């Protein structure tokens, strides 16, 4: 599935929820349902700095595609990170670099986050894109 197709599916799913606060509840539920990273991956190397919560994003590059896993001690942050990691996973580095996940603002997710949470979201995207750029340099 391309990033465009994934984006369309996420937008369709989230916009079915009419209330913006219920949309945030949906994101929290995504975080609660997501797998927890093993302790050996919850290390400084994978920690996202600049986020109020503890947040880890673990990247992997295999067979020409990028994959991401995440975890956080905050349900909303974990939900956002899970959504973004699922969105960007199994994609070519070039596609990741070209998409900044601005569609989350279009569906009303970012408007209801605190400035610190929005900062965390942008740090996740920056981290994912930085990893994708490093993968392009390797290939």
N, C-alpha and C. Protein backbone atom coordinates (compact mmCIF):
# COMPACT_ATOMS: atom_id res chain seq x y z
N UNK A 1 0.85 -1.17 0.00
CA UNK A 1 0.00 0.00 0.00
C UNK A 1 0.90 1.25 0.00
N UNK A 2 0.63 2.18 -0.87
CA UNK A 2 1.43 3.40 -0.95
C UNK A 2 1.07 4.35 0.20
N UNK A 3 1.92 5.35 0.41
CA UNK A 3 1.62 6.34 1.44
C UNK A 3 0.32 7.09 1.12
N UNK A 4 0.10 7.35 -0.14
CA UNK A 4 -1.13 8.02 -0.55
C UNK A 4 -2.36 7.18 -0.18
N UNK A 5 -2.28 5.89 -0.44
CA UNK A 5 -3.40 4.99 -0.09
C UNK A 5 -3.57 4.88 1.43
N UNK A 6 -2.45 4.79 2.14
CA UNK A 6 -2.52 4.74 3.60
C UNK A 6 -3.13 6.02 4.15
N UNK A 7 -2.69 7.15 3.61
CA UNK A 7 -3.22 8.44 4.06
C UNK A 7 -4.72 8.51 3.83
N UNK A 8 -5.16 8.11 2.67
CA UNK A 8 -6.59 8.13 2.35
C UNK A 8 -7.38 7.25 3.32
N UNK A 9 -6.86 6.06 3.63
CA UNK A 9 -7.54 5.15 4.55
C UNK A 9 -7.62 5.74 5.96
N UNK A 10 -6.54 6.36 6.42
CA UNK A 10 -6.53 6.97 7.75
C UNK A 10 -7.50 8.14 7.81
N UNK A 11 -7.47 8.99 6.79
CA UNK A 11 -8.37 10.14 6.74
C UNK A 11 -9.83 9.68 6.75
N UNK A 12 -10.14 8.67 5.93
CA UNK A 12 -11.51 8.16 5.89
C UNK A 12 -11.94 7.61 7.25
N UNK A 13 -11.07 6.87 7.89
CA UNK A 13 -11.40 6.27 9.18
C UNK A 13 -11.60 7.33 10.26
N UNK A 14 -10.69 8.29 10.31
CA UNK A 14 -10.76 9.31 11.35
C UNK A 14 -11.92 10.27 11.12
N UNK A 15 -12.20 10.62 9.88
CA UNK A 15 -13.29 11.57 9.63
C UNK A 15 -14.67 10.96 9.85
N UNK A 16 -14.74 9.65 9.99
CA UNK A 16 -16.02 9.03 10.36
C UNK A 16 -16.41 9.38 11.80
N UNK A 17 -15.44 9.81 12.58
CA UNK A 17 -15.68 10.21 13.97
C UNK A 17 -15.95 11.71 13.97
N UNK A 18 -17.20 12.12 14.23
CA UNK A 18 -17.55 13.52 14.08
C UNK A 18 -16.94 14.47 15.13
N UNK A 19 -16.79 14.02 16.36
CA UNK A 19 -16.32 14.89 17.43
C UNK A 19 -14.79 14.88 17.51
N UNK A 20 -14.15 16.06 17.52
CA UNK A 20 -12.69 16.11 17.55
C UNK A 20 -12.09 15.44 18.79
N UNK A 21 -12.78 15.53 19.92
CA UNK A 21 -12.24 14.90 21.13
C UNK A 21 -12.39 13.38 21.08
N UNK A 22 -13.41 12.91 20.40
CA UNK A 22 -13.54 11.47 20.20
C UNK A 22 -12.46 10.97 19.25
N UNK A 23 -12.03 11.83 18.33
CA UNK A 23 -10.92 11.47 17.44
C UNK A 23 -9.65 11.27 18.25
N UNK A 24 -9.43 12.14 19.24
CA UNK A 24 -8.28 11.96 20.11
C UNK A 24 -8.41 10.67 20.91
N UNK A 25 -9.63 10.36 21.31
CA UNK A 25 -9.88 9.10 22.01
C UNK A 25 -9.52 7.90 21.14
N UNK A 26 -9.82 8.02 19.86
CA UNK A 26 -9.45 6.97 18.90
C UNK A 26 -7.93 6.80 18.87
N UNK A 27 -7.20 7.90 18.87
CA UNK A 27 -5.74 7.87 18.85
C UNK A 27 -5.21 7.21 20.13
N UNK A 28 -5.82 7.58 21.27
CA UNK A 28 -5.42 6.97 22.55
C UNK A 28 -5.66 5.46 22.51
N UNK A 29 -6.81 5.04 21.97
CA UNK A 29 -7.11 3.61 21.85
C UNK A 29 -6.08 2.89 20.98
N UNK A 30 -5.63 3.55 19.90
CA UNK A 30 -4.59 2.97 19.05
C UNK A 30 -3.33 2.71 19.88
N UNK A 31 -2.99 3.65 20.74
CA UNK A 31 -1.82 3.50 21.59
C UNK A 31 -1.99 2.38 22.60
N UNK A 32 -3.18 2.26 23.16
CA UNK A 32 -3.43 1.21 24.16
C UNK A 32 -3.37 -0.18 23.54
N UNK A 33 -3.77 -0.29 22.28
CA UNK A 33 -3.78 -1.58 21.60
C UNK A 33 -2.42 -1.96 21.02
N UNK A 34 -1.53 -0.99 20.90
CA UNK A 34 -0.22 -1.23 20.27
C UNK A 34 0.68 -2.06 21.17
N UNK A 35 1.55 -2.81 20.52
CA UNK A 35 2.52 -3.63 21.24
C UNK A 35 3.51 -2.75 22.00
N UNK A 36 4.03 -3.27 23.07
CA UNK A 36 5.05 -2.59 23.86
C UNK A 36 6.42 -3.02 23.36
N UNK A 37 7.34 -2.08 23.28
CA UNK A 37 8.70 -2.41 22.89
C UNK A 37 9.38 -3.19 24.01
N UNK A 38 10.19 -4.17 23.66
CA UNK A 38 10.97 -4.85 24.70
C UNK A 38 11.96 -3.86 25.33
N UNK A 39 12.33 -4.12 26.57
CA UNK A 39 13.22 -3.22 27.31
C UNK A 39 14.55 -2.97 26.58
N UNK A 40 15.05 -3.97 25.85
CA UNK A 40 16.35 -3.79 25.19
C UNK A 40 16.28 -2.81 24.01
N UNK A 41 15.07 -2.40 23.60
CA UNK A 41 14.92 -1.38 22.55
C UNK A 41 14.53 -0.02 23.13
N UNK A 42 14.21 0.02 24.40
CA UNK A 42 13.85 1.28 25.05
C UNK A 42 15.13 1.93 25.60
N UNK A 43 15.97 2.33 24.66
CA UNK A 43 17.30 2.86 25.01
C UNK A 43 17.47 4.26 24.43
N UNK A 44 18.48 4.95 24.91
CA UNK A 44 18.74 6.34 24.50
C UNK A 44 18.88 6.49 22.98
N UNK A 45 19.46 5.50 22.33
CA UNK A 45 19.66 5.54 20.89
C UNK A 45 18.35 5.79 20.14
N UNK A 46 17.27 5.23 20.64
CA UNK A 46 15.98 5.32 19.97
C UNK A 46 15.04 6.34 20.60
N UNK A 47 15.48 7.00 21.64
CA UNK A 47 14.64 7.96 22.34
C UNK A 47 14.50 9.24 21.53
N UNK A 48 13.28 9.76 21.49
CA UNK A 48 13.01 11.01 20.78
C UNK A 48 13.13 12.15 21.79
N UNK A 49 14.09 13.01 21.56
CA UNK A 49 14.31 14.15 22.46
C UNK A 49 13.31 15.26 22.13
N UNK A 50 13.03 16.08 23.12
CA UNK A 50 12.13 17.21 22.91
C UNK A 50 10.68 16.88 23.12
N UNK A 51 10.40 15.71 23.63
CA UNK A 51 9.04 15.28 23.90
C UNK A 51 8.87 15.23 25.42
N UNK A 52 7.74 15.71 25.92
CA UNK A 52 7.48 15.69 27.35
C UNK A 52 7.49 14.27 27.91
N UNK A 53 6.99 13.35 27.15
CA UNK A 53 6.88 11.96 27.57
C UNK A 53 8.12 11.19 27.15
N UNK A 54 8.25 10.00 27.70
CA UNK A 54 9.28 9.08 27.23
C UNK A 54 8.77 8.50 25.92
N UNK A 55 9.55 8.62 24.87
CA UNK A 55 9.11 8.16 23.55
C UNK A 55 10.30 7.56 22.81
N UNK A 56 10.09 6.37 22.29
CA UNK A 56 11.12 5.68 21.51
C UNK A 56 10.55 5.33 20.14
N UNK A 57 11.36 5.55 19.10
CA UNK A 57 11.03 5.12 17.75
C UNK A 57 12.21 4.30 17.25
N UNK A 58 11.92 3.05 16.92
CA UNK A 58 12.96 2.12 16.49
C UNK A 58 12.84 1.90 14.99
N UNK A 59 13.84 2.37 14.22
CA UNK A 59 13.80 2.21 12.77
C UNK A 59 14.53 0.95 12.32
N UNK A 60 14.13 0.47 11.16
CA UNK A 60 14.80 -0.68 10.55
C UNK A 60 14.71 -0.51 9.04
N UNK A 61 15.80 -0.87 8.34
CA UNK A 61 15.82 -0.81 6.89
C UNK A 61 16.13 -2.20 6.37
N UNK A 62 15.21 -2.78 5.62
CA UNK A 62 15.45 -4.10 5.05
C UNK A 62 14.73 -4.22 3.70
N UNK A 63 15.38 -4.89 2.80
CA UNK A 63 14.83 -5.14 1.46
C UNK A 63 14.38 -3.85 0.78
N UNK A 64 15.11 -2.76 1.02
CA UNK A 64 14.82 -1.48 0.36
C UNK A 64 13.68 -0.69 0.96
N UNK A 65 13.13 -1.15 2.09
CA UNK A 65 12.00 -0.46 2.72
C UNK A 65 12.32 -0.12 4.18
N UNK A 66 11.70 0.93 4.67
CA UNK A 66 11.87 1.36 6.06
C UNK A 66 10.71 0.82 6.90
N UNK A 67 11.03 0.45 8.12
CA UNK A 67 10.03 -0.03 9.08
C UNK A 67 10.26 0.67 10.41
N UNK A 68 9.19 0.91 11.14
CA UNK A 68 9.29 1.64 12.40
C UNK A 68 8.39 1.01 13.46
N UNK A 69 8.91 0.99 14.69
CA UNK A 69 8.16 0.59 15.87
C UNK A 69 8.28 1.72 16.88
N UNK A 70 7.33 1.82 17.79
CA UNK A 70 7.41 2.89 18.78
C UNK A 70 6.81 2.45 20.10
N UNK A 71 7.09 3.25 21.11
CA UNK A 71 6.50 3.05 22.43
C UNK A 71 6.63 4.35 23.20
N UNK A 72 5.75 4.54 24.16
CA UNK A 72 5.77 5.73 25.00
C UNK A 72 5.10 5.43 26.32
N UNK A 73 5.41 6.25 27.32
CA UNK A 73 4.75 6.12 28.61
C UNK A 73 3.46 6.93 28.67
N UNK A 74 3.11 7.61 27.59
CA UNK A 74 1.88 8.39 27.48
C UNK A 74 0.98 7.75 26.43
N UNK A 75 -0.27 7.53 26.78
CA UNK A 75 -1.20 6.87 25.84
C UNK A 75 -1.41 7.69 24.57
N UNK A 76 -1.56 9.01 24.69
CA UNK A 76 -1.80 9.82 23.48
C UNK A 76 -0.55 9.86 22.61
N UNK A 77 0.61 9.99 23.22
CA UNK A 77 1.86 10.02 22.45
C UNK A 77 2.09 8.66 21.79
N UNK A 78 1.83 7.59 22.53
CA UNK A 78 1.99 6.26 21.96
C UNK A 78 1.02 6.06 20.79
N UNK A 79 -0.20 6.57 20.92
CA UNK A 79 -1.16 6.46 19.83
C UNK A 79 -0.72 7.20 18.58
N UNK A 80 -0.24 8.42 18.77
CA UNK A 80 0.24 9.22 17.63
C UNK A 80 1.45 8.55 17.00
N UNK A 81 2.38 8.11 17.84
CA UNK A 81 3.59 7.45 17.33
C UNK A 81 3.25 6.16 16.60
N UNK A 82 2.30 5.39 17.15
CA UNK A 82 1.87 4.15 16.49
C UNK A 82 1.27 4.45 15.13
N UNK A 83 0.40 5.45 15.08
CA UNK A 83 -0.22 5.85 13.82
C UNK A 83 0.84 6.23 12.79
N UNK A 84 1.80 7.06 13.22
CA UNK A 84 2.85 7.49 12.29
C UNK A 84 3.78 6.35 11.89
N UNK A 85 4.14 5.49 12.84
CA UNK A 85 5.02 4.36 12.49
C UNK A 85 4.33 3.40 11.54
N UNK A 86 3.04 3.12 11.78
CA UNK A 86 2.29 2.27 10.85
C UNK A 86 2.19 2.92 9.48
N UNK A 87 1.96 4.23 9.48
CA UNK A 87 1.83 4.98 8.23
C UNK A 87 3.12 4.90 7.40
N UNK A 88 4.26 5.13 8.04
CA UNK A 88 5.52 5.19 7.31
C UNK A 88 6.17 3.82 7.08
N UNK A 89 5.76 2.79 7.79
CA UNK A 89 6.39 1.48 7.65
C UNK A 89 6.11 0.84 6.30
N UNK A 90 7.07 0.05 5.85
CA UNK A 90 7.00 -0.69 4.58
C UNK A 90 6.97 0.25 3.39
N UNK A 91 7.69 1.37 3.52
CA UNK A 91 7.76 2.35 2.44
C UNK A 91 9.21 2.59 2.03
N UNK A 92 9.38 3.01 0.79
CA UNK A 92 10.70 3.38 0.30
C UNK A 92 11.12 4.70 0.93
N UNK A 93 12.41 4.87 1.18
CA UNK A 93 12.88 6.11 1.80
C UNK A 93 12.44 7.37 1.05
N UNK A 94 12.45 7.33 -0.27
CA UNK A 94 12.07 8.51 -1.06
C UNK A 94 10.63 8.93 -0.78
N UNK A 95 9.74 7.97 -0.65
CA UNK A 95 8.34 8.28 -0.39
C UNK A 95 8.18 8.90 1.00
N UNK A 96 8.93 8.40 1.96
CA UNK A 96 8.85 8.92 3.33
C UNK A 96 9.30 10.37 3.37
N UNK A 97 10.39 10.66 2.68
CA UNK A 97 10.95 12.02 2.68
C UNK A 97 9.96 13.01 2.05
N UNK A 98 9.17 12.55 1.09
CA UNK A 98 8.23 13.43 0.39
C UNK A 98 6.93 13.67 1.15
N UNK A 99 6.70 12.97 2.27
CA UNK A 99 5.43 13.09 2.98
C UNK A 99 5.66 13.47 4.44
N UNK A 100 5.15 14.63 4.84
CA UNK A 100 5.38 15.13 6.20
C UNK A 100 4.20 14.89 7.15
N UNK A 101 3.24 14.08 6.75
CA UNK A 101 2.08 13.73 7.57
C UNK A 101 1.21 14.93 7.92
N UNK A 102 1.22 15.95 7.08
CA UNK A 102 0.40 17.14 7.32
C UNK A 102 -1.09 16.80 7.34
N UNK A 103 -1.47 15.68 6.77
CA UNK A 103 -2.88 15.29 6.74
C UNK A 103 -3.47 15.13 8.14
N UNK A 104 -2.63 14.91 9.15
CA UNK A 104 -3.15 14.79 10.52
C UNK A 104 -3.77 16.11 10.97
N UNK A 105 -3.24 17.21 10.50
CA UNK A 105 -3.84 18.51 10.78
C UNK A 105 -5.16 18.67 10.05
N UNK A 106 -5.23 18.13 8.86
CA UNK A 106 -6.45 18.24 8.05
C UNK A 106 -7.62 17.47 8.66
N UNK A 107 -7.32 16.42 9.43
CA UNK A 107 -8.41 15.65 10.05
C UNK A 107 -8.65 16.06 11.50
N UNK A 108 -8.00 17.15 11.92
CA UNK A 108 -8.28 17.70 13.23
C UNK A 108 -7.55 17.07 14.39
N UNK A 109 -6.47 16.37 14.13
CA UNK A 109 -5.72 15.76 15.23
C UNK A 109 -4.79 16.77 15.89
N UNK A 110 -4.00 17.48 15.11
CA UNK A 110 -2.98 18.35 15.70
C UNK A 110 -3.58 19.58 16.39
N UNK A 111 -4.74 20.04 15.95
CA UNK A 111 -5.32 21.24 16.54
C UNK A 111 -5.69 21.06 18.00
N UNK A 112 -5.92 19.85 18.43
CA UNK A 112 -6.36 19.59 19.80
C UNK A 112 -5.24 19.04 20.68
N UNK A 113 -4.02 19.13 20.18
CA UNK A 113 -2.87 18.72 20.98
C UNK A 113 -2.24 19.95 21.61
N UNK A 114 -1.65 19.77 22.78
CA UNK A 114 -0.91 20.87 23.40
C UNK A 114 0.30 21.18 22.52
N UNK A 115 0.87 22.38 22.68
CA UNK A 115 2.07 22.71 21.89
C UNK A 115 3.19 21.68 22.10
N UNK A 116 3.34 21.17 23.32
CA UNK A 116 4.38 20.17 23.57
C UNK A 116 4.11 18.87 22.83
N UNK A 117 2.83 18.46 22.77
CA UNK A 117 2.47 17.23 22.05
C UNK A 117 2.67 17.43 20.54
N UNK A 118 2.31 18.61 20.01
CA UNK A 118 2.55 18.89 18.59
C UNK A 118 4.04 18.84 18.29
N UNK A 119 4.84 19.36 19.22
CA UNK A 119 6.29 19.32 19.06
C UNK A 119 6.77 17.88 19.00
N UNK A 120 6.23 17.03 19.87
CA UNK A 120 6.58 15.62 19.86
C UNK A 120 6.24 14.95 18.54
N UNK A 121 5.06 15.28 18.01
CA UNK A 121 4.63 14.73 16.72
C UNK A 121 5.61 15.13 15.63
N UNK A 122 5.99 16.40 15.61
CA UNK A 122 6.93 16.84 14.57
C UNK A 122 8.30 16.18 14.75
N UNK A 123 8.68 15.90 16.00
CA UNK A 123 9.96 15.22 16.25
C UNK A 123 9.93 13.79 15.72
N UNK A 124 8.78 13.15 15.84
CA UNK A 124 8.65 11.78 15.29
C UNK A 124 8.85 11.81 13.79
N UNK A 125 8.15 12.73 13.12
CA UNK A 125 8.26 12.84 11.66
C UNK A 125 9.70 13.17 11.26
N UNK A 126 10.34 14.09 11.99
CA UNK A 126 11.74 14.44 11.69
C UNK A 126 12.64 13.22 11.83
N UNK A 127 12.45 12.45 12.90
CA UNK A 127 13.26 11.26 13.14
C UNK A 127 13.09 10.23 12.03
N UNK A 128 11.85 10.00 11.65
CA UNK A 128 11.54 9.04 10.59
C UNK A 128 12.15 9.49 9.27
N UNK A 129 12.01 10.77 8.95
CA UNK A 129 12.55 11.27 7.69
C UNK A 129 14.09 11.29 7.70
N UNK A 130 14.67 11.60 8.84
CA UNK A 130 16.14 11.58 8.95
C UNK A 130 16.67 10.15 8.70
N UNK A 131 15.97 9.16 9.28
CA UNK A 131 16.35 7.77 9.06
C UNK A 131 16.22 7.41 7.59
N UNK A 132 15.11 7.82 6.96
CA UNK A 132 14.90 7.54 5.53
C UNK A 132 16.01 8.14 4.68
N UNK A 133 16.44 9.36 5.02
CA UNK A 133 17.54 10.00 4.28
C UNK A 133 18.83 9.21 4.44
N UNK A 134 19.07 8.69 5.63
CA UNK A 134 20.28 7.91 5.84
C UNK A 134 20.22 6.60 5.05
N UNK A 135 19.04 6.06 4.88
CA UNK A 135 18.88 4.83 4.10
C UNK A 135 19.15 5.10 2.62
N UNK A 136 18.73 6.27 2.15
CA UNK A 136 18.99 6.64 0.75
C UNK A 136 20.49 6.76 0.53
N UNK A 137 21.19 7.31 1.50
CA UNK A 137 22.63 7.48 1.37
C UNK A 137 23.34 6.13 1.33
N UNK A 138 22.79 5.15 2.05
CA UNK A 138 23.39 3.81 2.07
C UNK A 138 23.16 3.04 0.78
N UNK A 139 22.00 3.28 0.14
CA UNK A 139 21.66 2.47 -1.04
C UNK A 139 22.42 2.93 -2.27
